[in-house]
Amino acid sequence: MRAIDLSNVTWRKSSYSNTSGGECLEIADNHPALVPVRDSKNPTGPTLVFNAPAWGSFVTVVKDGSLSGA
């Protein structure tokens, strides 16, 4: 697997992250065809990278709650 250069991405905190410092998810929207995701409390830690269709499917399932009870 080849390394993905994330040095020029712009991270933004998810609107669902709370203001007290917990549950802070950051997403880089400006990477072509990929959606990098990281924990904002650990910005030098691991980053998950999804292809755009997989991320879109994940977000859809989370928003509509169809994963609950699975």
N, C-alpha and C. Protein backbone atom coordinates (compact mmCIF):
# COMPACT_ATOMS: atom_id res chain seq x y z
N MET A 1 0.84 -1.17 0.00
CA MET A 1 0.00 0.00 0.00
C MET A 1 0.89 1.24 0.00
N ARG A 2 0.58 2.20 -0.86
CA ARG A 2 1.40 3.40 -0.93
C ARG A 2 0.93 4.44 0.08
N ALA A 3 1.84 5.26 0.55
CA ALA A 3 1.53 6.32 1.51
C ALA A 3 0.75 7.43 0.82
N ILE A 4 -0.15 8.03 1.54
CA ILE A 4 -0.95 9.14 1.02
C ILE A 4 -0.43 10.43 1.67
N ASP A 5 -0.10 11.40 0.85
CA ASP A 5 0.42 12.67 1.34
C ASP A 5 -0.72 13.54 1.85
N LEU A 6 -0.76 13.75 3.16
CA LEU A 6 -1.79 14.58 3.78
C LEU A 6 -1.23 15.90 4.28
N SER A 7 -0.02 16.25 3.83
CA SER A 7 0.63 17.46 4.34
C SER A 7 -0.06 18.75 3.92
N ASN A 8 -0.82 18.74 2.84
CA ASN A 8 -1.46 19.97 2.37
C ASN A 8 -2.97 19.98 2.54
N VAL A 9 -3.53 19.04 3.30
CA VAL A 9 -4.97 19.05 3.49
C VAL A 9 -5.35 20.07 4.55
N THR A 10 -6.57 20.55 4.47
CA THR A 10 -7.10 21.47 5.47
C THR A 10 -8.13 20.71 6.29
N TRP A 11 -7.87 20.64 7.59
CA TRP A 11 -8.74 19.89 8.49
C TRP A 11 -9.84 20.80 9.01
N ARG A 12 -11.04 20.23 9.18
CA ARG A 12 -12.13 20.95 9.84
C ARG A 12 -12.78 20.02 10.84
N LYS A 13 -13.22 20.60 11.95
CA LYS A 13 -13.85 19.80 12.98
C LYS A 13 -15.30 19.52 12.59
N SER A 14 -15.74 18.32 12.82
CA SER A 14 -17.11 17.94 12.52
C SER A 14 -18.09 18.80 13.31
N SER A 15 -19.20 19.13 12.69
CA SER A 15 -20.23 19.91 13.39
C SER A 15 -20.87 19.09 14.51
N TYR A 16 -20.66 17.79 14.52
CA TYR A 16 -21.20 16.94 15.57
C TYR A 16 -20.26 16.81 16.77
N SER A 17 -19.05 17.34 16.68
CA SER A 17 -18.13 17.30 17.81
C SER A 17 -18.63 18.26 18.88
N ASN A 18 -18.48 17.88 20.13
CA ASN A 18 -19.00 18.77 21.16
C ASN A 18 -17.98 19.83 21.54
N THR A 19 -18.43 20.86 22.24
CA THR A 19 -17.57 22.01 22.57
C THR A 19 -16.71 21.79 23.81
N SER A 20 -16.91 20.72 24.56
CA SER A 20 -16.14 20.50 25.78
C SER A 20 -14.87 19.69 25.54
N GLY A 21 -14.53 19.45 24.29
CA GLY A 21 -13.28 18.78 23.97
C GLY A 21 -13.38 17.29 23.73
N GLY A 22 -14.55 16.72 23.91
CA GLY A 22 -14.72 15.29 23.67
C GLY A 22 -15.29 15.02 22.29
N GLU A 23 -15.17 13.80 21.84
CA GLU A 23 -15.75 13.36 20.58
C GLU A 23 -15.40 14.29 19.41
N CYS A 24 -14.13 14.63 19.29
CA CYS A 24 -13.71 15.60 18.26
C CYS A 24 -13.16 14.89 17.04
N LEU A 25 -13.94 14.91 16.00
CA LEU A 25 -13.58 14.30 14.74
C LEU A 25 -13.24 15.40 13.75
N GLU A 26 -12.11 15.25 13.06
CA GLU A 26 -11.74 16.20 12.02
C GLU A 26 -11.72 15.50 10.68
N ILE A 27 -12.16 16.23 9.67
CA ILE A 27 -12.26 15.69 8.31
C ILE A 27 -11.53 16.65 7.38
N ALA A 28 -10.82 16.10 6.41
CA ALA A 28 -10.19 16.93 5.38
C ALA A 28 -11.03 16.81 4.12
N ASP A 29 -11.70 17.89 3.76
CA ASP A 29 -12.61 17.88 2.61
C ASP A 29 -11.91 18.13 1.28
N ASN A 30 -10.70 18.65 1.33
CA ASN A 30 -10.07 19.13 0.09
C ASN A 30 -9.09 18.14 -0.55
N HIS A 31 -9.22 16.87 -0.22
CA HIS A 31 -8.35 15.87 -0.84
C HIS A 31 -9.14 15.19 -1.96
N PRO A 32 -8.60 15.12 -3.17
CA PRO A 32 -9.36 14.55 -4.28
C PRO A 32 -9.65 13.06 -4.10
N ALA A 33 -10.91 12.71 -4.17
CA ALA A 33 -11.40 11.33 -4.18
C ALA A 33 -11.28 10.59 -2.85
N LEU A 34 -10.66 11.19 -1.86
CA LEU A 34 -10.49 10.55 -0.56
C LEU A 34 -11.02 11.44 0.55
N VAL A 35 -11.39 10.82 1.67
CA VAL A 35 -11.84 11.56 2.84
C VAL A 35 -10.99 11.11 4.04
N PRO A 36 -9.94 11.89 4.37
CA PRO A 36 -9.14 11.59 5.56
C PRO A 36 -9.90 12.02 6.82
N VAL A 37 -9.81 11.20 7.87
CA VAL A 37 -10.50 11.46 9.13
C VAL A 37 -9.52 11.21 10.26
N ARG A 38 -9.53 12.10 11.27
CA ARG A 38 -8.63 11.92 12.42
C ARG A 38 -9.29 12.43 13.70
N ASP A 39 -8.69 12.08 14.81
CA ASP A 39 -9.11 12.54 16.13
C ASP A 39 -8.41 13.86 16.40
N SER A 40 -9.16 14.94 16.59
CA SER A 40 -8.54 16.25 16.77
C SER A 40 -7.75 16.35 18.06
N LYS A 41 -8.03 15.48 19.02
CA LYS A 41 -7.27 15.50 20.26
C LYS A 41 -5.89 14.86 20.09
N ASN A 42 -5.68 14.19 18.95
CA ASN A 42 -4.42 13.53 18.67
C ASN A 42 -4.06 13.75 17.18
N PRO A 43 -3.78 15.01 16.80
CA PRO A 43 -3.57 15.32 15.38
C PRO A 43 -2.35 14.65 14.74
N THR A 44 -1.42 14.20 15.53
CA THR A 44 -0.27 13.49 14.95
C THR A 44 -0.45 11.98 14.99
N GLY A 45 -1.60 11.55 15.49
CA GLY A 45 -1.90 10.12 15.57
C GLY A 45 -2.38 9.58 14.24
N PRO A 46 -2.94 8.40 14.26
CA PRO A 46 -3.37 7.74 13.02
C PRO A 46 -4.51 8.49 12.33
N THR A 47 -4.56 8.34 11.03
CA THR A 47 -5.61 8.91 10.20
C THR A 47 -6.27 7.78 9.42
N LEU A 48 -7.57 7.76 9.44
CA LEU A 48 -8.32 6.81 8.61
C LEU A 48 -8.60 7.50 7.28
N VAL A 49 -8.46 6.78 6.19
CA VAL A 49 -8.71 7.35 4.86
C VAL A 49 -9.74 6.48 4.15
N PHE A 50 -10.84 7.11 3.78
CA PHE A 50 -11.94 6.43 3.09
C PHE A 50 -12.01 6.93 1.65
N ASN A 51 -12.45 6.08 0.73
CA ASN A 51 -12.76 6.62 -0.59
C ASN A 51 -14.10 7.36 -0.45
N ALA A 52 -14.35 8.31 -1.33
CA ALA A 52 -15.52 9.18 -1.19
C ALA A 52 -16.84 8.40 -1.14
N PRO A 53 -17.06 7.40 -2.01
CA PRO A 53 -18.33 6.67 -1.93
C PRO A 53 -18.52 5.93 -0.60
N ALA A 54 -17.45 5.35 -0.06
CA ALA A 54 -17.55 4.64 1.22
C ALA A 54 -17.89 5.60 2.34
N TRP A 55 -17.25 6.78 2.34
CA TRP A 55 -17.54 7.78 3.38
C TRP A 55 -18.99 8.25 3.25
N GLY A 56 -19.45 8.48 2.03
CA GLY A 56 -20.83 8.91 1.82
C GLY A 56 -21.82 7.89 2.35
N SER A 57 -21.55 6.62 2.10
CA SER A 57 -22.42 5.55 2.61
C SER A 57 -22.42 5.53 4.13
N PHE A 58 -21.26 5.66 4.74
CA PHE A 58 -21.14 5.67 6.20
C PHE A 58 -21.96 6.82 6.79
N VAL A 59 -21.79 8.01 6.25
CA VAL A 59 -22.50 9.18 6.76
C VAL A 59 -24.02 8.99 6.61
N THR A 60 -24.45 8.46 5.49
CA THR A 60 -25.88 8.21 5.28
C THR A 60 -26.44 7.26 6.34
N VAL A 61 -25.72 6.18 6.62
CA VAL A 61 -26.19 5.20 7.61
C VAL A 61 -26.23 5.83 9.00
N VAL A 62 -25.24 6.62 9.35
CA VAL A 62 -25.21 7.26 10.66
C VAL A 62 -26.36 8.26 10.78
N LYS A 63 -26.58 9.06 9.76
CA LYS A 63 -27.64 10.08 9.81
C LYS A 63 -29.03 9.47 9.92
N ASP A 64 -29.29 8.40 9.19
CA ASP A 64 -30.64 7.85 9.22
C ASP A 64 -30.85 6.82 10.33
N GLY A 65 -29.78 6.52 11.06
CA GLY A 65 -29.91 5.63 12.22
C GLY A 65 -30.11 4.16 11.88
N SER A 66 -29.89 3.79 10.62
CA SER A 66 -30.15 2.41 10.23
C SER A 66 -29.13 1.43 10.79
N LEU A 67 -28.08 1.91 11.41
CA LEU A 67 -27.08 1.03 11.99
C LEU A 67 -27.46 0.63 13.42
N SER A 68 -28.34 1.40 14.08
CA SER A 68 -28.69 1.09 15.46
C SER A 68 -29.36 -0.27 15.55
N GLY A 69 -28.98 -1.00 16.54
CA GLY A 69 -29.53 -2.34 16.74
C GLY A 69 -28.87 -3.41 15.90
N ALA A 70 -27.85 -3.03 15.17
CA ALA A 70 -27.17 -4.02 14.31
C ALA A 70 -26.26 -4.89 15.13
